[in-house]
Amino acid sequence: MTLFALVYCIFSPRNPKHVYFFCRWFNLLQKIVGVRVETRGLKNAENVGNSVYISNHQSIFDFVTDPGMLRPRTVSIGKKSLLWVPFFGQLYWITGNILLDRENKSKARNTIQQVAEAIRNRNLSVWMYPEGTRSKGRGLLPFKTGAFRMAIEAGVPIVPMCTSTTHNKIDLNRRDNGIAITEMLAPIDVTQFKNARELADHCHTLMAEKIAELDVEVERFAMSKVEVPAKTN
């Protein structure tokens, strides 16, 4: 899949339409992995215009559960080190996603300004993981402020996207890994907040509560599939 995508993108490199196109492909991975993904709330992104989308970052299986939420003309922002991941890193770059050098603070600030200008001038939205790293079962980690400063700088709303907990719930040796639920929340007007930190904390609270709700629902679904042993006298 990756090799074909690389060849395909050579004819129009860095075009943001590629991200949405190939996310439709990655969305099919759920069938291979054996997890049914239920996606909700996409209507919340209708008629919103350019936005900064944020979602929780759990593991490599985010590439199985999350692609169905990505909207057209949306690119993601990742660490510059992704470029050196064989095949995937090159595909990530050539499809139009943005690589951010987080180690260099001055470059990171400049990149935020450049991305904000791209959102306004190139009709783009961006998708970021505000935790900055995979949580790996530690729950929703504290948010960094980059995504929120970007939204404020560009003057666009923040749209939170939540995925139920997948840590230790997906095993490639199983054919049935149950369900995962993804849900897009209502857009948040960034002008209602004093600064990026206040906005980040507000989004963190909303997302933590929603993820907890989704986890309860997934657990109920799992329990409903467990057969209750018949009573014996």
C-alpha atoms as a PDB file:
ATOM      1  CA  MET A   1       0.000   0.000   0.000  1.00  0.00           C
ATOM      2  CA  THR A   2       2.754   2.406   1.000  1.00  0.00           C
ATOM      3  CA  LEU A   3       4.881   1.701  -2.088  1.00  0.00           C
ATOM      4  CA  PHE A   4       1.925   2.278  -4.398  1.00  0.00           C
ATOM      5  CA  ALA A   5       1.067   5.497  -2.572  1.00  0.00           C
ATOM      6  CA  LEU A   6       4.615   6.801  -2.935  1.00  0.00           C
ATOM      7  CA  VAL A   7       4.543   6.227  -6.692  1.00  0.00           C
ATOM      8  CA  TYR A   8       1.077   7.768  -6.981  1.00  0.00           C
ATOM      9  CA  CYS A   9       2.071  10.936  -5.094  1.00  0.00           C
ATOM     10  CA  ILE A  10       5.197  11.542  -7.161  1.00  0.00           C
ATOM     11  CA  PHE A  11       2.982  13.040  -9.897  1.00  0.00           C
ATOM     12  CA  SER A  12       1.533  15.673  -7.513  1.00  0.00           C
ATOM     13  CA  PRO A  13       3.704  15.731  -4.395  1.00  0.00           C
ATOM     14  CA  ARG A  14       2.659  17.547  -1.214  1.00  0.00           C
ATOM     15  CA  ASN A  15      -0.952  17.945  -2.389  1.00  0.00           C
ATOM     16  CA  PRO A  16      -3.210  17.913   0.719  1.00  0.00           C
ATOM     17  CA  LYS A  17      -5.886  15.942  -1.118  1.00  0.00           C
ATOM     18  CA  HIS A  18      -3.633  12.883  -0.826  1.00  0.00           C
ATOM     19  CA  VAL A  19      -3.970  12.737   2.969  1.00  0.00           C
ATOM     20  CA  TYR A  20      -7.747  12.290   2.822  1.00  0.00           C
ATOM     21  CA  PHE A  21      -7.498   9.856  -0.109  1.00  0.00           C
ATOM     22  CA  PHE A  22      -5.070   7.518   1.605  1.00  0.00           C
ATOM     23  CA  CYS A  23      -6.777   7.793   4.982  1.00  0.00           C
ATOM     24  CA  ARG A  24      -9.725   6.092   3.271  1.00  0.00           C
ATOM     25  CA  TRP A  25      -7.309   3.229   2.568  1.00  0.00           C
ATOM     26  CA  PHE A  26      -5.945   3.137   6.097  1.00  0.00           C
ATOM     27  CA  ASN A  27      -9.538   3.049   7.343  1.00  0.00           C
ATOM     28  CA  LEU A  28      -9.813  -0.431   5.813  1.00  0.00           C
ATOM     29  CA  LEU A  29      -7.125  -1.735   8.176  1.00  0.00           C
ATOM     30  CA  GLN A  30      -9.784  -2.251  10.853  1.00  0.00           C
ATOM     31  CA  LYS A  31     -11.037  -5.260   8.881  1.00  0.00           C
ATOM     32  CA  ILE A  32      -7.553  -6.759   8.777  1.00  0.00           C
ATOM     33  CA  VAL A  33      -6.872  -6.074  12.461  1.00  0.00           C
ATOM     34  CA  GLY A  34     -10.275  -7.423  13.481  1.00  0.00           C
ATOM     35  CA  VAL A  35     -11.685  -4.376  15.238  1.00  0.00           C
ATOM     36  CA  ARG A  36     -14.983  -2.720  14.350  1.00  0.00           C
ATOM     37  CA  VAL A  37     -14.713   1.059  14.506  1.00  0.00           C
ATOM     38  CA  GLU A  38     -17.866   3.089  15.057  1.00  0.00           C
ATOM     39  CA  THR A  39     -17.392   6.705  13.988  1.00  0.00           C
ATOM     40  CA  ARG A  40     -19.723   9.390  15.329  1.00  0.00           C
ATOM     41  CA  GLY A  41     -20.215  13.126  15.236  1.00  0.00           C
ATOM     42  CA  LEU A  42     -18.863  13.887  11.760  1.00  0.00           C
ATOM     43  CA  LYS A  43     -21.764  16.289  11.264  1.00  0.00           C
ATOM     44  CA  ASN A  44     -20.095  18.528  13.837  1.00  0.00           C
ATOM     45  CA  ALA A  45     -17.448  19.312  11.203  1.00  0.00           C
ATOM     46  CA  GLU A  46     -19.958  20.313   8.531  1.00  0.00           C
ATOM     47  CA  ASN A  47     -19.986  24.008   7.596  1.00  0.00           C
ATOM     48  CA  VAL A  48     -17.272  24.765  10.143  1.00  0.00           C
ATOM     49  CA  GLY A  49     -14.606  25.691   7.625  1.00  0.00           C
ATOM     50  CA  ASN A  50     -10.910  25.490   8.355  1.00  0.00           C
ATOM     51  CA  SER A  51     -10.153  24.130  11.817  1.00  0.00           C
ATOM     52  CA  VAL A  52      -7.532  22.634  14.085  1.00  0.00           C
ATOM     53  CA  TYR A  53      -8.543  19.055  14.922  1.00  0.00           C
ATOM     54  CA  ILE A  54      -7.104  17.434  18.033  1.00  0.00           C
ATOM     55  CA  SER A  55      -7.332  13.812  19.163  1.00  0.00           C
ATOM     56  CA  ASN A  56      -5.927  11.507  21.836  1.00  0.00           C
ATOM     57  CA  HIS A  57      -2.775   9.607  20.887  1.00  0.00           C
ATOM     58  CA  GLN A  58      -2.600   6.044  22.241  1.00  0.00           C
ATOM     59  CA  SER A  59      -0.491   3.726  20.090  1.00  0.00           C
ATOM     60  CA  ILE A  60       0.334   2.674  16.549  1.00  0.00           C
ATOM     61  CA  PHE A  61      -3.237   1.364  16.343  1.00  0.00           C
ATOM     62  CA  ASP A  62      -4.379   4.995  16.046  1.00  0.00           C
ATOM     63  CA  PHE A  63      -3.720   4.430  12.338  1.00  0.00           C
ATOM     64  CA  VAL A  64      -6.474   1.803  12.455  1.00  0.00           C
ATOM     65  CA  THR A  65      -9.074   3.632  14.558  1.00  0.00           C
ATOM     66  CA  ASP A  66      -8.659   7.315  13.647  1.00  0.00           C
ATOM     67  CA  PRO A  67      -8.464   7.737   9.821  1.00  0.00           C
ATOM     68  CA  GLY A  68     -12.252   7.677   9.408  1.00  0.00           C
ATOM     69  CA  MET A  69     -12.482  10.997  11.252  1.00  0.00           C
ATOM     70  CA  LEU A  70     -10.110  12.929   9.000  1.00  0.00           C
ATOM     71  CA  ARG A  71     -11.882  15.536   6.837  1.00  0.00           C
ATOM     72  CA  PRO A  72     -10.962  16.662   3.292  1.00  0.00           C
ATOM     73  CA  ARG A  73      -8.093  19.160   2.937  1.00  0.00           C
ATOM     74  CA  THR A  74      -6.827  18.275   6.400  1.00  0.00           C
ATOM     75  CA  VAL A  75      -3.148  17.567   6.970  1.00  0.00           C
ATOM     76  CA  SER A  76      -1.573  16.302  10.146  1.00  0.00           C
ATOM     77  CA  ILE A  77       1.432  17.613  12.022  1.00  0.00           C
ATOM     78  CA  GLY A  78       4.031  15.189  13.304  1.00  0.00           C
ATOM     79  CA  LYS A  79       7.561  15.085  14.642  1.00  0.00           C
ATOM     80  CA  LYS A  80      10.374  15.627  12.137  1.00  0.00           C
ATOM     81  CA  SER A  81      11.864  12.271  13.181  1.00  0.00           C
ATOM     82  CA  LEU A  82       8.952  10.517  11.412  1.00  0.00           C
ATOM     83  CA  LEU A  83      10.695  11.238   8.127  1.00  0.00           C
ATOM     84  CA  TRP A  84      13.245   8.518   8.907  1.00  0.00           C
ATOM     85  CA  VAL A  85      10.672   5.758   9.458  1.00  0.00           C
ATOM     86  CA  PRO A  86      11.114   3.475   6.418  1.00  0.00           C
ATOM     87  CA  PHE A  87       8.370   3.864   3.793  1.00  0.00           C
ATOM     88  CA  PHE A  88       5.807   5.406   6.159  1.00  0.00           C
ATOM     89  CA  GLY A  89       7.903   8.493   6.905  1.00  0.00           C
ATOM     90  CA  GLN A  90       8.417   9.250   3.226  1.00  0.00           C
ATOM     91  CA  LEU A  91       4.703   8.702   2.528  1.00  0.00           C
ATOM     92  CA  TYR A  92       3.809  10.978   5.449  1.00  0.00           C
ATOM     93  CA  TRP A  93       5.864  13.796   3.934  1.00  0.00           C
ATOM     94  CA  ILE A  94       4.987  13.401   0.249  1.00  0.00           C
ATOM     95  CA  THR A  95       1.226  13.331   0.910  1.00  0.00           C
ATOM     96  CA  GLY A  96       1.429  16.861   2.284  1.00  0.00           C
ATOM     97  CA  ASN A  97       1.603  16.426   6.033  1.00  0.00           C
ATOM     98  CA  ILE A  98       3.769  18.820   8.040  1.00  0.00           C
ATOM     99  CA  LEU A  99       6.864  17.800   9.991  1.00  0.00           C
ATOM    100  CA  LEU A 100       7.678  19.910  13.040  1.00  0.00           C
ATOM    101  CA  ASP A 101      11.126  20.180  14.633  1.00  0.00           C
ATOM    102  CA  ARG A 102      10.079  20.172  18.289  1.00  0.00           C
ATOM    103  CA  GLU A 103      13.654  20.114  19.555  1.00  0.00           C
ATOM    104  CA  ASN A 104      14.332  23.564  18.117  1.00  0.00           C
ATOM    105  CA  LYS A 105      12.050  25.971  19.991  1.00  0.00           C
ATOM    106  CA  SER A 106      12.648  28.941  17.678  1.00  0.00           C
ATOM    107  CA  LYS A 107      11.882  26.838  14.586  1.00  0.00           C
ATOM    108  CA  ALA A 108       8.782  25.423  16.277  1.00  0.00           C
ATOM    109  CA  ARG A 109       7.416  28.927  16.938  1.00  0.00           C
ATOM    110  CA  ASN A 110       8.113  29.948  13.352  1.00  0.00           C
ATOM    111  CA  THR A 111       6.424  26.778  12.085  1.00  0.00           C
ATOM    112  CA  ILE A 112       3.306  27.548  14.108  1.00  0.00           C
ATOM    113  CA  GLN A 113       3.091  30.942  12.404  1.00  0.00           C
ATOM    114  CA  GLN A 114       3.675  29.396   8.974  1.00  0.00           C
ATOM    115  CA  VAL A 115       1.000  26.744   9.531  1.00  0.00           C
ATOM    116  CA  ALA A 116      -1.447  29.400  10.735  1.00  0.00           C
ATOM    117  CA  GLU A 117      -0.827  31.317   7.491  1.00  0.00           C
ATOM    118  CA  ALA A 118      -1.304  28.114   5.461  1.00  0.00           C
ATOM    119  CA  ILE A 119      -4.641  27.479   7.186  1.00  0.00           C
ATOM    120  CA  ARG A 120      -5.820  30.942   6.182  1.00  0.00           C
ATOM    121  CA  ASN A 121      -4.285  31.200   2.711  1.00  0.00           C
ATOM    122  CA  ARG A 122      -4.300  27.616   1.391  1.00  0.00           C
ATOM    123  CA  ASN A 123      -7.720  26.542   2.662  1.00  0.00           C
ATOM    124  CA  LEU A 124      -6.299  23.900   5.007  1.00  0.00           C
ATOM    125  CA  SER A 125      -7.216  22.325   8.298  1.00  0.00           C
ATOM    126  CA  VAL A 126      -4.676  20.577  10.507  1.00  0.00           C
ATOM    127  CA  TRP A 127      -4.846  17.544  12.774  1.00  0.00           C
ATOM    128  CA  MET A 128      -2.629  17.334  15.843  1.00  0.00           C
ATOM    129  CA  TYR A 129      -2.074  15.084  18.841  1.00  0.00           C
ATOM    130  CA  PRO A 130      -1.727  17.666  21.651  1.00  0.00           C
ATOM    131  CA  GLU A 131      -0.288  15.110  24.087  1.00  0.00           C
ATOM    132  CA  GLY A 132       2.844  15.093  21.940  1.00  0.00           C
ATOM    133  CA  THR A 133       3.501  11.377  22.473  1.00  0.00           C
ATOM    134  CA  ARG A 134       1.664   8.064  22.694  1.00  0.00           C
ATOM    135  CA  SER A 135      -0.022   7.529  26.045  1.00  0.00           C
ATOM    136  CA  LYS A 136       0.449   3.711  25.996  1.00  0.00           C
ATOM    137  CA  GLY A 137      -2.217   3.036  28.605  1.00  0.00           C
ATOM    138  CA  ARG A 138      -1.457   6.001  30.883  1.00  0.00           C
ATOM    139  CA  GLY A 139      -4.730   7.750  30.139  1.00  0.00           C
ATOM    140  CA  LEU A 140      -5.062  11.159  28.512  1.00  0.00           C
ATOM    141  CA  LEU A 141      -1.716  12.877  29.066  1.00  0.00           C
ATOM    142  CA  PRO A 142      -1.357  16.642  29.713  1.00  0.00           C
ATOM    143  CA  PHE A 143      -1.717  18.784  26.605  1.00  0.00           C
ATOM    144  CA  LYS A 144       1.048  20.886  25.101  1.00  0.00           C
ATOM    145  CA  THR A 145      -0.113  24.304  23.871  1.00  0.00           C
ATOM    146  CA  GLY A 146       1.154  24.213  20.256  1.00  0.00           C
ATOM    147  CA  ALA A 147      -2.144  23.183  18.644  1.00  0.00           C
ATOM    148  CA  PHE A 148      -4.065  25.759  20.635  1.00  0.00           C
ATOM    149  CA  ARG A 149      -1.655  28.597  19.870  1.00  0.00           C
ATOM    150  CA  MET A 150      -1.956  27.601  16.219  1.00  0.00           C
ATOM    151  CA  ALA A 151      -5.769  27.819  16.321  1.00  0.00           C
ATOM    152  CA  ILE A 152      -5.653  31.199  18.067  1.00  0.00           C
ATOM    153  CA  GLU A 153      -3.042  32.520  15.612  1.00  0.00           C
ATOM    154  CA  ALA A 154      -5.118  31.372  12.613  1.00  0.00           C
ATOM    155  CA  GLY A 155      -8.428  32.459  14.145  1.00  0.00           C
ATOM    156  CA  VAL A 156     -10.095  29.076  13.557  1.00  0.00           C
ATOM    157  CA  PRO A 157     -12.039  26.766  15.901  1.00  0.00           C
ATOM    158  CA  ILE A 158     -10.679  23.745  17.730  1.00  0.00           C
ATOM    159  CA  VAL A 159     -12.520  20.482  17.019  1.00  0.00           C
ATOM    160  CA  PRO A 160     -11.800  17.716  19.571  1.00  0.00           C
ATOM    161  CA  MET A 161     -11.926  14.093  18.395  1.00  0.00           C
ATOM    162  CA  CYS A 162     -11.983  11.247  20.923  1.00  0.00           C
ATOM    163  CA  THR A 163     -11.215   7.546  20.581  1.00  0.00           C
ATOM    164  CA  SER A 164     -12.104   4.970  23.219  1.00  0.00           C
ATOM    165  CA  THR A 165      -9.204   3.276  24.985  1.00  0.00           C
ATOM    166  CA  THR A 166      -7.504   0.624  22.852  1.00  0.00           C
ATOM    167  CA  HIS A 167      -4.538  -0.180  25.124  1.00  0.00           C
ATOM    168  CA  ASN A 168      -4.256  -3.985  25.599  1.00  0.00           C
ATOM    169  CA  LYS A 169      -7.533  -4.458  23.724  1.00  0.00           C
ATOM    170  CA  ILE A 170      -6.169  -5.166  20.247  1.00  0.00           C
ATOM    171  CA  ASP A 171      -4.241  -8.375  19.672  1.00  0.00           C
ATOM    172  CA  LEU A 172      -3.122  -9.220  16.150  1.00  0.00           C
ATOM    173  CA  ASN A 173      -3.375 -12.918  17.042  1.00  0.00           C
ATOM    174  CA  ARG A 174      -7.134 -12.573  17.541  1.00  0.00           C
ATOM    175  CA  ARG A 175      -9.680 -12.445  14.749  1.00  0.00           C
ATOM    176  CA  ASP A 176     -12.182 -10.446  16.818  1.00  0.00           C
ATOM    177  CA  ASN A 177     -10.887  -7.484  18.793  1.00  0.00           C
ATOM    178  CA  GLY A 178     -14.306  -6.063  19.600  1.00  0.00           C
ATOM    179  CA  ILE A 179     -15.199  -2.452  18.930  1.00  0.00           C
ATOM    180  CA  ALA A 180     -13.622   0.963  19.260  1.00  0.00           C
ATOM    181  CA  ILE A 181     -15.664   4.163  19.200  1.00  0.00           C
ATOM    182  CA  THR A 182     -14.460   7.446  17.777  1.00  0.00           C
ATOM    183  CA  GLU A 183     -16.464  10.631  18.254  1.00  0.00           C
ATOM    184  CA  MET A 184     -16.009  14.164  16.981  1.00  0.00           C
ATOM    185  CA  LEU A 185     -17.167  16.828  19.435  1.00  0.00           C
ATOM    186  CA  ALA A 186     -18.647  20.228  18.672  1.00  0.00           C
ATOM    187  CA  PRO A 187     -16.255  22.967  17.496  1.00  0.00           C
ATOM    188  CA  ILE A 188     -14.885  25.288  20.175  1.00  0.00           C
ATOM    189  CA  ASP A 189     -14.667  29.037  19.601  1.00  0.00           C
ATOM    190  CA  VAL A 190     -11.101  29.955  20.564  1.00  0.00           C
ATOM    191  CA  THR A 191     -11.958  33.636  21.056  1.00  0.00           C
ATOM    192  CA  GLN A 192     -13.789  32.758  24.269  1.00  0.00           C
ATOM    193  CA  PHE A 193     -10.519  31.932  26.066  1.00  0.00           C
ATOM    194  CA  LYS A 194      -7.839  34.190  27.512  1.00  0.00           C
ATOM    195  CA  ASN A 195      -4.857  32.184  26.303  1.00  0.00           C
ATOM    196  CA  ALA A 196      -3.713  28.873  24.836  1.00  0.00           C
ATOM    197  CA  ARG A 197      -3.205  27.208  28.219  1.00  0.00           C
ATOM    198  CA  GLU A 198      -6.771  27.937  29.327  1.00  0.00           C
ATOM    199  CA  LEU A 199      -8.073  26.624  25.997  1.00  0.00           C
ATOM    200  CA  ALA A 200      -5.903  23.495  26.275  1.00  0.00           C
ATOM    201  CA  ASP A 201      -7.120  22.741  29.800  1.00  0.00           C
ATOM    202  CA  HIS A 202     -10.755  23.172  28.738  1.00  0.00           C
ATOM    203  CA  CYS A 203     -10.322  20.766  25.804  1.00  0.00           C
ATOM    204  CA  HIS A 204      -8.489  18.271  28.010  1.00  0.00           C
ATOM    205  CA  THR A 205     -11.416  18.189  30.456  1.00  0.00           C
ATOM    206  CA  LEU A 206     -13.977  17.729  27.671  1.00  0.00           C
ATOM    207  CA  MET A 207     -12.018  14.948  26.013  1.00  0.00           C
ATOM    208  CA  ALA A 208     -11.205  13.092  29.240  1.00  0.00           C
ATOM    209  CA  GLU A 209     -14.907  13.021  30.133  1.00  0.00           C
ATOM    210  CA  LYS A 210     -15.946  11.861  26.665  1.00  0.00           C
ATOM    211  CA  ILE A 211     -13.281   9.121  26.507  1.00  0.00           C
ATOM    212  CA  ALA A 212     -14.491   7.830  29.886  1.00  0.00           C
ATOM    213  CA  GLU A 213     -18.043   7.695  28.521  1.00  0.00           C
ATOM    214  CA  LEU A 214     -16.928   5.833  25.397  1.00  0.00           C
ATOM    215  CA  ASP A 215     -14.937   3.343  27.500  1.00  0.00           C
ATOM    216  CA  VAL A 216     -18.031   2.546  29.563  1.00  0.00           C
ATOM    217  CA  GLU A 217     -20.023   1.956  26.389  1.00  0.00           C
ATOM    218  CA  VAL A 218     -17.338  -0.313  24.915  1.00  0.00           C
ATOM    219  CA  GLU A 219     -17.205  -2.292  28.167  1.00  0.00           C
ATOM    220  CA  ARG A 220     -20.965  -2.764  28.154  1.00  0.00           C
ATOM    221  CA  PHE A 221     -20.782  -4.031  24.584  1.00  0.00           C
ATOM    222  CA  ALA A 222     -18.049  -6.496  25.540  1.00  0.00           C
ATOM    223  CA  MET A 223     -20.049  -7.753  28.521  1.00  0.00           C
ATOM    224  CA  SER A 224     -23.154  -8.221  26.377  1.00  0.00           C
ATOM    225  CA  LYS A 225     -21.203 -10.671  24.199  1.00  0.00           C
ATOM    226  CA  VAL A 226     -20.133 -12.781  27.162  1.00  0.00           C
ATOM    227  CA  GLU A 227     -22.430 -15.726  27.648  1.00  0.00           C
ATOM    228  CA  VAL A 228     -23.726 -16.065  31.196  1.00  0.00           C
ATOM    229  CA  PRO A 229     -23.359 -19.687  32.397  1.00  0.00           C
ATOM    230  CA  ALA A 230     -26.656 -21.427  33.030  1.00  0.00           C
ATOM    231  CA  LYS A 231     -27.497 -22.035  36.696  1.00  0.00           C
ATOM    232  CA  THR A 232     -27.350 -25.650  37.893  1.00  0.00           C
ATOM    233  CA  ASN A 233     -29.306 -27.131  40.778  1.00  0.00           C
END
